[in-house]
Amino acid sequence: MSLDNVDLDFALGADQWEENFPQYQDHIRTCFDLIVTHVAEARRLAEFPHVEVSFLLTDDTAIQTLNRDYRGKDKATNVLSFPSLSEEDVAQYLRLGEDLPAMPIALGDIIFAWETIKREAEAQGKTLDSHFCHLCLHGILHLLGYDHIDDDDAAVMEALETDLLAKLSIDDPYQA
């Protein structure tokens, strides 16, 4: 299910994406549509006048800088999510559907690092497509208020990711 009121914006910060993985936009759109179809908080987005989600596809150098500056971790990572809605807004708007704003919202930003994602897929014996889809779902779920800081929240988020990935015929990434 696609939402007409949602814009997915893409920016390239590294040429490797277009050169080696031109299907990245298709995967992101597929993952977003899957979440809208199967996750209650995402279905609520249909009630907003306009929603924007930004995706930056970049490299290890750029994501390391962001990870250092915003998370205090001076190393590259595979994906970073920067939700625009506070925990209170997520609870009020997306979970309860109360007092929805009558103005457009930016749901947040998701940043992917080419080298780390490629390296992880190879090391884990996964296809780049399946690993990238997992990280897309993971990042979008963060924008919807899901997290993995404590074990209970991690279990909920991982179970949802696993269920969504199964709908794409992708194996459970958390299986050893």
N, C-alpha and C. Protein backbone atom coordinates (compact mmCIF):
# COMPACT_ATOMS: atom_id res chain seq x y z
N MET A 1 0.85 -1.17 0.00
CA MET A 1 0.00 0.00 0.00
C MET A 1 0.90 1.23 0.00
N SER A 2 0.69 2.08 -0.94
CA SER A 2 1.43 3.34 -1.05
C SER A 2 0.56 4.46 -0.52
N LEU A 3 1.20 5.46 0.02
CA LEU A 3 0.47 6.62 0.51
C LEU A 3 0.77 7.81 -0.40
N ASP A 4 -0.29 8.41 -0.95
CA ASP A 4 -0.11 9.55 -1.85
C ASP A 4 0.41 10.79 -1.15
N ASN A 5 0.24 10.88 0.15
CA ASN A 5 0.64 12.07 0.89
C ASN A 5 2.07 11.97 1.43
N VAL A 6 2.79 10.91 1.07
CA VAL A 6 4.15 10.72 1.57
C VAL A 6 5.15 10.90 0.44
N ASP A 7 6.14 11.75 0.68
CA ASP A 7 7.25 11.92 -0.25
C ASP A 7 8.48 11.27 0.34
N LEU A 8 9.09 10.39 -0.43
CA LEU A 8 10.38 9.81 -0.06
C LEU A 8 11.43 10.56 -0.87
N ASP A 9 12.29 11.27 -0.19
CA ASP A 9 13.32 12.08 -0.85
C ASP A 9 14.66 11.38 -0.76
N PHE A 10 15.38 11.35 -1.88
CA PHE A 10 16.66 10.65 -1.95
C PHE A 10 17.78 11.62 -2.29
N ALA A 11 18.90 11.46 -1.61
CA ALA A 11 20.10 12.23 -1.92
C ALA A 11 21.29 11.27 -1.92
N LEU A 12 22.16 11.45 -2.90
CA LEU A 12 23.36 10.62 -2.99
C LEU A 12 24.55 11.41 -2.48
N GLY A 13 25.25 10.82 -1.52
CA GLY A 13 26.47 11.42 -1.01
C GLY A 13 27.69 10.62 -1.40
N ALA A 14 27.47 9.56 -2.18
CA ALA A 14 28.57 8.71 -2.65
C ALA A 14 28.16 8.06 -3.96
N ASP A 15 29.04 8.11 -4.94
CA ASP A 15 28.74 7.58 -6.27
C ASP A 15 28.57 6.07 -6.30
N GLN A 16 29.14 5.37 -5.32
CA GLN A 16 29.09 3.91 -5.32
C GLN A 16 27.67 3.37 -5.38
N TRP A 17 26.74 4.08 -4.79
CA TRP A 17 25.36 3.60 -4.78
C TRP A 17 24.81 3.50 -6.19
N GLU A 18 24.89 4.56 -6.94
CA GLU A 18 24.35 4.57 -8.30
C GLU A 18 25.12 3.61 -9.20
N GLU A 19 26.43 3.54 -9.01
CA GLU A 19 27.28 2.69 -9.85
C GLU A 19 27.08 1.20 -9.58
N ASN A 20 26.92 0.83 -8.31
CA ASN A 20 26.91 -0.58 -7.92
C ASN A 20 25.57 -1.11 -7.43
N PHE A 21 24.65 -0.23 -7.10
CA PHE A 21 23.39 -0.67 -6.50
C PHE A 21 22.26 0.28 -6.92
N PRO A 22 22.02 0.40 -8.22
CA PRO A 22 21.03 1.38 -8.69
C PRO A 22 19.60 1.09 -8.24
N GLN A 23 19.35 -0.10 -7.74
CA GLN A 23 18.01 -0.47 -7.29
C GLN A 23 17.69 0.03 -5.89
N TYR A 24 18.55 0.84 -5.30
CA TYR A 24 18.34 1.28 -3.91
C TYR A 24 17.00 1.98 -3.72
N GLN A 25 16.58 2.82 -4.66
CA GLN A 25 15.28 3.52 -4.50
C GLN A 25 14.12 2.53 -4.52
N ASP A 26 14.19 1.55 -5.40
CA ASP A 26 13.12 0.54 -5.47
C ASP A 26 13.01 -0.22 -4.15
N HIS A 27 14.15 -0.58 -3.58
CA HIS A 27 14.14 -1.31 -2.30
C HIS A 27 13.56 -0.44 -1.19
N ILE A 28 13.94 0.81 -1.14
CA ILE A 28 13.43 1.69 -0.09
C ILE A 28 11.92 1.85 -0.24
N ARG A 29 11.44 2.07 -1.46
CA ARG A 29 10.00 2.21 -1.68
C ARG A 29 9.25 0.92 -1.29
N THR A 30 9.79 -0.21 -1.68
CA THR A 30 9.17 -1.50 -1.33
C THR A 30 9.09 -1.66 0.18
N CYS A 31 10.17 -1.36 0.87
CA CYS A 31 10.19 -1.50 2.33
C CYS A 31 9.23 -0.52 3.00
N PHE A 32 9.19 0.70 2.50
CA PHE A 32 8.27 1.68 3.08
C PHE A 32 6.82 1.24 2.89
N ASP A 33 6.49 0.80 1.68
CA ASP A 33 5.13 0.33 1.40
C ASP A 33 4.77 -0.88 2.26
N LEU A 34 5.72 -1.78 2.46
CA LEU A 34 5.48 -2.95 3.31
C LEU A 34 5.17 -2.53 4.74
N ILE A 35 5.92 -1.58 5.25
CA ILE A 35 5.68 -1.10 6.61
C ILE A 35 4.32 -0.41 6.70
N VAL A 36 3.97 0.39 5.71
CA VAL A 36 2.67 1.07 5.73
C VAL A 36 1.53 0.05 5.72
N THR A 37 1.73 -1.05 5.04
CA THR A 37 0.70 -2.08 4.96
C THR A 37 0.56 -2.87 6.26
N HIS A 38 1.67 -3.10 6.96
CA HIS A 38 1.65 -4.05 8.08
C HIS A 38 1.94 -3.47 9.46
N VAL A 39 2.25 -2.20 9.56
CA VAL A 39 2.58 -1.61 10.86
C VAL A 39 1.59 -0.49 11.16
N ALA A 40 0.87 -0.63 12.25
CA ALA A 40 -0.21 0.30 12.59
C ALA A 40 0.25 1.76 12.64
N GLU A 41 1.41 2.01 13.24
CA GLU A 41 1.90 3.39 13.34
C GLU A 41 2.11 4.00 11.96
N ALA A 42 2.54 3.20 11.01
CA ALA A 42 2.77 3.71 9.66
C ALA A 42 1.45 3.96 8.92
N ARG A 43 0.46 3.12 9.15
CA ARG A 43 -0.85 3.34 8.51
C ARG A 43 -1.44 4.68 8.94
N ARG A 44 -1.13 5.10 10.15
CA ARG A 44 -1.64 6.37 10.66
C ARG A 44 -1.11 7.56 9.84
N LEU A 45 0.00 7.38 9.13
CA LEU A 45 0.56 8.46 8.31
C LEU A 45 -0.42 8.93 7.25
N ALA A 46 -1.35 8.07 6.85
CA ALA A 46 -2.36 8.44 5.85
C ALA A 46 -3.24 9.59 6.32
N GLU A 47 -3.30 9.81 7.63
CA GLU A 47 -4.16 10.85 8.19
C GLU A 47 -3.50 12.22 8.24
N PHE A 48 -2.22 12.28 7.92
CA PHE A 48 -1.51 13.57 7.90
C PHE A 48 -1.69 14.22 6.53
N PRO A 49 -1.67 15.56 6.47
CA PRO A 49 -1.81 16.21 5.17
C PRO A 49 -0.62 15.92 4.25
N HIS A 50 0.57 15.84 4.81
CA HIS A 50 1.77 15.57 4.01
C HIS A 50 2.88 15.09 4.93
N VAL A 51 3.61 14.07 4.48
CA VAL A 51 4.71 13.50 5.25
C VAL A 51 5.92 13.39 4.33
N GLU A 52 7.07 13.75 4.87
CA GLU A 52 8.31 13.63 4.11
C GLU A 52 9.31 12.78 4.89
N VAL A 53 9.97 11.87 4.17
CA VAL A 53 11.05 11.06 4.75
C VAL A 53 12.25 11.23 3.83
N SER A 54 13.39 11.55 4.42
CA SER A 54 14.61 11.78 3.63
C SER A 54 15.59 10.63 3.81
N PHE A 55 16.20 10.25 2.70
CA PHE A 55 17.19 9.18 2.69
C PHE A 55 18.47 9.73 2.08
N LEU A 56 19.57 9.54 2.77
CA LEU A 56 20.90 9.91 2.26
C LEU A 56 21.70 8.63 2.12
N LEU A 57 22.17 8.39 0.92
CA LEU A 57 22.99 7.21 0.65
C LEU A 57 24.42 7.70 0.46
N THR A 58 25.26 7.38 1.43
CA THR A 58 26.58 7.98 1.48
C THR A 58 27.65 6.92 1.72
N ASP A 59 28.78 7.34 2.27
CA ASP A 59 29.91 6.44 2.47
C ASP A 59 30.31 6.40 3.94
N ASP A 60 31.31 5.58 4.23
CA ASP A 60 31.76 5.40 5.61
C ASP A 60 32.29 6.69 6.23
N THR A 61 32.99 7.50 5.45
CA THR A 61 33.55 8.73 5.98
C THR A 61 32.46 9.66 6.48
N ALA A 62 31.44 9.86 5.67
CA ALA A 62 30.35 10.77 6.05
C ALA A 62 29.55 10.23 7.24
N ILE A 63 29.27 8.94 7.23
CA ILE A 63 28.46 8.40 8.33
C ILE A 63 29.26 8.35 9.62
N GLN A 64 30.57 8.16 9.52
CA GLN A 64 31.40 8.18 10.72
C GLN A 64 31.35 9.56 11.38
N THR A 65 31.38 10.60 10.57
CA THR A 65 31.28 11.96 11.10
C THR A 65 29.95 12.17 11.81
N LEU A 66 28.87 11.74 11.18
CA LEU A 66 27.54 11.87 11.79
C LEU A 66 27.43 11.04 13.06
N ASN A 67 27.95 9.83 13.02
CA ASN A 67 27.90 8.95 14.18
C ASN A 67 28.69 9.55 15.35
N ARG A 68 29.83 10.15 15.04
CA ARG A 68 30.64 10.80 16.08
C ARG A 68 29.93 12.03 16.64
N ASP A 69 29.43 12.87 15.74
CA ASP A 69 28.85 14.14 16.16
C ASP A 69 27.52 13.98 16.90
N TYR A 70 26.71 13.01 16.51
CA TYR A 70 25.38 12.88 17.09
C TYR A 70 25.22 11.75 18.10
N ARG A 71 26.12 10.76 18.04
CA ARG A 71 25.99 9.62 18.95
C ARG A 71 27.23 9.41 19.81
N GLY A 72 28.28 10.19 19.56
CA GLY A 72 29.51 10.04 20.33
C GLY A 72 30.28 8.78 20.03
N LYS A 73 30.04 8.18 18.86
CA LYS A 73 30.73 6.95 18.46
C LYS A 73 31.54 7.25 17.21
N ASP A 74 32.85 7.31 17.36
CA ASP A 74 33.73 7.72 16.27
C ASP A 74 34.10 6.53 15.39
N LYS A 75 33.09 5.97 14.74
CA LYS A 75 33.29 4.86 13.81
C LYS A 75 32.13 4.85 12.82
N ALA A 76 32.40 4.22 11.68
CA ALA A 76 31.34 4.07 10.68
C ALA A 76 30.31 3.07 11.20
N THR A 77 29.10 3.21 10.71
CA THR A 77 28.03 2.26 11.01
C THR A 77 27.23 2.04 9.73
N ASN A 78 26.35 1.07 9.72
CA ASN A 78 25.61 0.76 8.50
C ASN A 78 24.48 1.74 8.21
N VAL A 79 23.73 2.10 9.24
CA VAL A 79 22.57 2.99 9.05
C VAL A 79 22.38 3.84 10.29
N LEU A 80 21.99 5.07 10.07
CA LEU A 80 21.61 5.97 11.16
C LEU A 80 20.21 6.49 10.86
N SER A 81 19.40 6.59 11.89
CA SER A 81 18.06 7.17 11.76
C SER A 81 17.95 8.36 12.69
N PHE A 82 17.39 9.43 12.17
CA PHE A 82 17.16 10.63 12.95
C PHE A 82 15.67 10.97 12.91
N PRO A 83 14.90 10.45 13.86
CA PRO A 83 13.47 10.74 13.89
C PRO A 83 13.21 12.22 14.16
N SER A 84 12.21 12.76 13.51
CA SER A 84 11.82 14.15 13.76
C SER A 84 10.77 14.25 14.86
N LEU A 85 10.00 13.20 15.05
CA LEU A 85 8.97 13.21 16.08
C LEU A 85 9.55 12.77 17.41
N SER A 86 9.14 13.44 18.47
CA SER A 86 9.55 13.04 19.82
C SER A 86 8.80 11.76 20.21
N GLU A 87 9.25 11.13 21.28
CA GLU A 87 8.54 9.94 21.79
C GLU A 87 7.09 10.28 22.11
N GLU A 88 6.86 11.46 22.66
CA GLU A 88 5.50 11.89 23.00
C GLU A 88 4.65 12.06 21.74
N ASP A 89 5.24 12.66 20.69
CA ASP A 89 4.51 12.83 19.43
C ASP A 89 4.18 11.49 18.80
N VAL A 90 5.13 10.56 18.83
CA VAL A 90 4.88 9.22 18.28
C VAL A 90 3.71 8.58 19.02
N ALA A 91 3.73 8.65 20.35
CA ALA A 91 2.64 8.06 21.14
C ALA A 91 1.31 8.72 20.81
N GLN A 92 1.29 10.04 20.78
CA GLN A 92 0.05 10.78 20.56
C GLN A 92 -0.46 10.62 19.14
N TYR A 93 0.38 10.86 18.16
CA TYR A 93 -0.06 10.88 16.76
C TYR A 93 -0.15 9.49 16.15
N LEU A 94 0.93 8.71 16.28
CA LEU A 94 1.01 7.46 15.53
C LEU A 94 0.39 6.28 16.26
N ARG A 95 0.46 6.26 17.58
CA ARG A 95 -0.11 5.13 18.31
C ARG A 95 -1.57 5.38 18.68
N LEU A 96 -1.87 6.58 19.17
CA LEU A 96 -3.23 6.89 19.61
C LEU A 96 -4.07 7.59 18.55
N GLY A 97 -3.44 8.23 17.60
CA GLY A 97 -4.17 8.96 16.57
C GLY A 97 -4.88 10.20 17.08
N GLU A 98 -4.32 10.82 18.12
CA GLU A 98 -4.96 11.98 18.74
C GLU A 98 -4.29 13.28 18.33
N ASP A 99 -5.12 14.31 18.15
CA ASP A 99 -4.64 15.67 17.89
C ASP A 99 -3.59 15.74 16.79
N LEU A 100 -3.88 15.07 15.69
CA LEU A 100 -2.92 15.08 14.58
C LEU A 100 -2.72 16.50 14.07
N PRO A 101 -1.49 16.88 13.79
CA PRO A 101 -1.26 18.23 13.29
C PRO A 101 -1.88 18.42 11.91
N ALA A 102 -2.35 19.62 11.66
CA ALA A 102 -2.96 19.94 10.36
C ALA A 102 -1.92 20.45 9.38
N MET A 103 -0.66 20.29 9.73
CA MET A 103 0.42 20.78 8.86
C MET A 103 1.28 19.60 8.42
N PRO A 104 2.04 19.78 7.36
CA PRO A 104 2.95 18.72 6.92
C PRO A 104 4.00 18.42 8.00
N ILE A 105 4.48 17.18 8.01
CA ILE A 105 5.54 16.81 8.95
C ILE A 105 6.69 16.14 8.20
N ALA A 106 7.87 16.30 8.76
CA ALA A 106 9.03 15.52 8.34
C ALA A 106 9.15 14.38 9.33
N LEU A 107 9.03 13.16 8.85
CA LEU A 107 9.11 12.00 9.75
C LEU A 107 10.55 11.80 10.24
N GLY A 108 11.52 12.10 9.39
CA GLY A 108 12.91 11.99 9.80
C GLY A 108 13.83 11.68 8.63
N ASP A 109 15.08 11.41 8.99
CA ASP A 109 16.13 11.15 8.01
C ASP A 109 16.77 9.80 8.30
N ILE A 110 17.10 9.10 7.22
CA ILE A 110 17.81 7.82 7.33
C ILE A 110 19.04 7.91 6.44
N ILE A 111 20.19 7.53 7.00
CA ILE A 111 21.46 7.61 6.29
C ILE A 111 22.07 6.22 6.22
N PHE A 112 22.50 5.82 5.02
CA PHE A 112 23.12 4.52 4.79
C PHE A 112 24.57 4.70 4.36
N ALA A 113 25.46 3.80 4.79
CA ALA A 113 26.87 3.84 4.42
C ALA A 113 27.21 2.66 3.50
N TRP A 114 27.62 2.96 2.29
CA TRP A 114 27.88 1.95 1.27
C TRP A 114 28.90 0.90 1.72
N GLU A 115 30.08 1.32 2.12
CA GLU A 115 31.15 0.36 2.39
C GLU A 115 30.79 -0.59 3.54
N THR A 116 30.22 -0.04 4.60
CA THR A 116 29.87 -0.87 5.75
C THR A 116 28.79 -1.88 5.38
N ILE A 117 27.78 -1.45 4.67
CA ILE A 117 26.69 -2.35 4.28
C ILE A 117 27.22 -3.46 3.37
N LYS A 118 28.03 -3.09 2.41
CA LYS A 118 28.60 -4.09 1.49
C LYS A 118 29.49 -5.07 2.25
N ARG A 119 30.34 -4.57 3.10
CA ARG A 119 31.25 -5.41 3.89
C ARG A 119 30.47 -6.37 4.81
N GLU A 120 29.44 -5.86 5.47
CA GLU A 120 28.62 -6.71 6.35
C GLU A 120 27.91 -7.81 5.58
N ALA A 121 27.34 -7.46 4.44
CA ALA A 121 26.62 -8.46 3.64
C ALA A 121 27.57 -9.58 3.24
N GLU A 122 28.76 -9.22 2.79
CA GLU A 122 29.74 -10.23 2.39
C GLU A 122 30.16 -11.08 3.58
N ALA A 123 30.46 -10.46 4.71
CA ALA A 123 30.93 -11.17 5.90
C ALA A 123 29.86 -12.11 6.45
N GLN A 124 28.58 -11.73 6.30
CA GLN A 124 27.48 -12.51 6.85
C GLN A 124 26.90 -13.50 5.83
N GLY A 125 27.46 -13.51 4.62
CA GLY A 125 26.98 -14.42 3.59
C GLY A 125 25.58 -14.10 3.11
N LYS A 126 25.23 -12.82 3.11
CA LYS A 126 23.91 -12.37 2.67
C LYS A 126 24.05 -11.65 1.34
N THR A 127 22.95 -11.61 0.60
CA THR A 127 22.97 -10.78 -0.60
C THR A 127 22.91 -9.32 -0.16
N LEU A 128 23.45 -8.47 -0.99
CA LEU A 128 23.39 -7.04 -0.70
C LEU A 128 21.94 -6.57 -0.66
N ASP A 129 21.12 -7.12 -1.54
CA ASP A 129 19.70 -6.75 -1.57
C ASP A 129 19.01 -7.08 -0.25
N SER A 130 19.22 -8.29 0.26
CA SER A 130 18.52 -8.68 1.49
C SER A 130 19.04 -7.90 2.70
N HIS A 131 20.34 -7.68 2.77
CA HIS A 131 20.89 -6.92 3.90
C HIS A 131 20.40 -5.47 3.86
N PHE A 132 20.40 -4.89 2.67
CA PHE A 132 19.94 -3.50 2.53
C PHE A 132 18.46 -3.39 2.91
N CYS A 133 17.64 -4.34 2.47
CA CYS A 133 16.21 -4.30 2.84
C CYS A 133 16.04 -4.38 4.35
N HIS A 134 16.81 -5.24 5.00
CA HIS A 134 16.73 -5.32 6.46
C HIS A 134 17.05 -3.97 7.08
N LEU A 135 18.11 -3.32 6.62
CA LEU A 135 18.50 -2.03 7.19
C LEU A 135 17.48 -0.93 6.87
N CYS A 136 16.84 -1.02 5.70
CA CYS A 136 15.76 -0.07 5.37
C CYS A 136 14.62 -0.20 6.37
N LEU A 137 14.17 -1.42 6.57
CA LEU A 137 13.08 -1.66 7.51
C LEU A 137 13.48 -1.19 8.91
N HIS A 138 14.68 -1.52 9.31
CA HIS A 138 15.19 -1.14 10.63
C HIS A 138 15.17 0.39 10.80
N GLY A 139 15.68 1.09 9.80
CA GLY A 139 15.72 2.55 9.88
C GLY A 139 14.34 3.19 9.91
N ILE A 140 13.44 2.70 9.08
CA ILE A 140 12.08 3.25 9.04
C ILE A 140 11.36 2.99 10.36
N LEU A 141 11.54 1.80 10.91
CA LEU A 141 10.90 1.50 12.20
C LEU A 141 11.40 2.45 13.30
N HIS A 142 12.67 2.82 13.26
CA HIS A 142 13.16 3.81 14.22
C HIS A 142 12.39 5.13 14.09
N LEU A 143 12.09 5.54 12.87
CA LEU A 143 11.35 6.80 12.67
C LEU A 143 9.94 6.70 13.23
N LEU A 144 9.43 5.49 13.34
CA LEU A 144 8.07 5.26 13.85
C LEU A 144 8.05 5.00 15.35
N GLY A 145 9.20 5.17 16.00
CA GLY A 145 9.25 5.05 17.45
C GLY A 145 9.76 3.73 18.00
N TYR A 146 10.10 2.80 17.13
CA TYR A 146 10.65 1.53 17.60
C TYR A 146 12.12 1.71 17.95
N ASP A 147 12.58 0.94 18.94
CA ASP A 147 13.98 1.05 19.36
C ASP A 147 14.45 -0.28 19.92
N HIS A 148 15.73 -0.36 20.19
CA HIS A 148 16.33 -1.60 20.70
C HIS A 148 17.30 -1.30 21.83
N ILE A 149 16.99 -0.27 22.61
CA ILE A 149 17.86 0.11 23.72
C ILE A 149 17.81 -0.93 24.83
N ASP A 150 16.61 -1.38 25.18
CA ASP A 150 16.53 -2.44 26.19
C ASP A 150 16.07 -3.74 25.53
N ASP A 151 16.25 -4.83 26.24
CA ASP A 151 15.99 -6.16 25.68
C ASP A 151 14.55 -6.36 25.24
N ASP A 152 13.59 -5.86 26.01
CA ASP A 152 12.18 -6.03 25.64
C ASP A 152 11.86 -5.30 24.35
N ASP A 153 12.31 -4.05 24.25
CA ASP A 153 12.08 -3.28 23.02
C ASP A 153 12.79 -3.91 21.83
N ALA A 154 14.01 -4.41 22.07
CA ALA A 154 14.77 -5.06 20.99
C ALA A 154 14.02 -6.30 20.49
N ALA A 155 13.46 -7.07 21.40
CA ALA A 155 12.73 -8.28 21.01
C ALA A 155 11.52 -7.92 20.15
N VAL A 156 10.81 -6.87 20.51
CA VAL A 156 9.64 -6.43 19.73
C VAL A 156 10.08 -5.98 18.34
N MET A 157 11.11 -5.14 18.29
CA MET A 157 11.57 -4.60 17.01
C MET A 157 12.12 -5.71 16.11
N GLU A 158 12.92 -6.60 16.67
CA GLU A 158 13.50 -7.69 15.88
C GLU A 158 12.43 -8.63 15.37
N ALA A 159 11.41 -8.92 16.17
CA ALA A 159 10.32 -9.80 15.72
C ALA A 159 9.56 -9.15 14.57
N LEU A 160 9.33 -7.86 14.66
CA LEU A 160 8.63 -7.15 13.58
C LEU A 160 9.48 -7.14 12.32
N GLU A 161 10.78 -6.86 12.46
CA GLU A 161 11.67 -6.89 11.29
C GLU A 161 11.67 -8.26 10.64
N THR A 162 11.76 -9.30 11.45
CA THR A 162 11.79 -10.67 10.94
C THR A 162 10.51 -11.00 10.19
N ASP A 163 9.37 -10.60 10.75
CA ASP A 163 8.08 -10.83 10.10
C ASP A 163 7.99 -10.09 8.76
N LEU A 164 8.41 -8.84 8.74
CA LEU A 164 8.37 -8.06 7.51
C LEU A 164 9.32 -8.63 6.46
N LEU A 165 10.52 -9.02 6.89
CA LEU A 165 11.48 -9.61 5.95
C LEU A 165 10.95 -10.91 5.35
N ALA A 166 10.24 -11.70 6.15
CA ALA A 166 9.66 -12.95 5.64
C ALA A 166 8.69 -12.66 4.50
N LYS A 167 7.98 -11.56 4.58
CA LYS A 167 7.04 -11.18 3.52
C LYS A 167 7.77 -10.84 2.22
N LEU A 168 9.07 -10.55 2.33
CA LEU A 168 9.92 -10.29 1.17
C LEU A 168 10.75 -11.53 0.81
N SER A 169 10.44 -12.66 1.46
CA SER A 169 11.19 -13.91 1.28
C SER A 169 12.66 -13.77 1.65
N ILE A 170 12.92 -12.99 2.70
CA ILE A 170 14.28 -12.80 3.21
C ILE A 170 14.37 -13.49 4.57
N ASP A 171 15.42 -14.27 4.74
CA ASP A 171 15.61 -15.03 5.98
C ASP A 171 15.79 -14.12 7.19
N ASP A 172 15.51 -14.67 8.35
CA ASP A 172 15.66 -13.98 9.63
C ASP A 172 17.12 -13.60 9.83
N PRO A 173 17.43 -12.30 9.88
CA PRO A 173 18.83 -11.88 10.03
C PRO A 173 19.38 -12.12 11.43
N TYR A 174 18.52 -12.43 12.38
CA TYR A 174 18.95 -12.62 13.76
C TYR A 174 19.22 -14.08 14.09
N GLN A 175 18.97 -14.98 13.13
CA GLN A 175 19.29 -16.39 13.32
C GLN A 175 20.79 -16.58 13.21
N ALA A 176 21.35 -17.36 14.09
CA ALA A 176 22.80 -17.62 14.06
C ALA A 176 23.15 -18.59 12.96
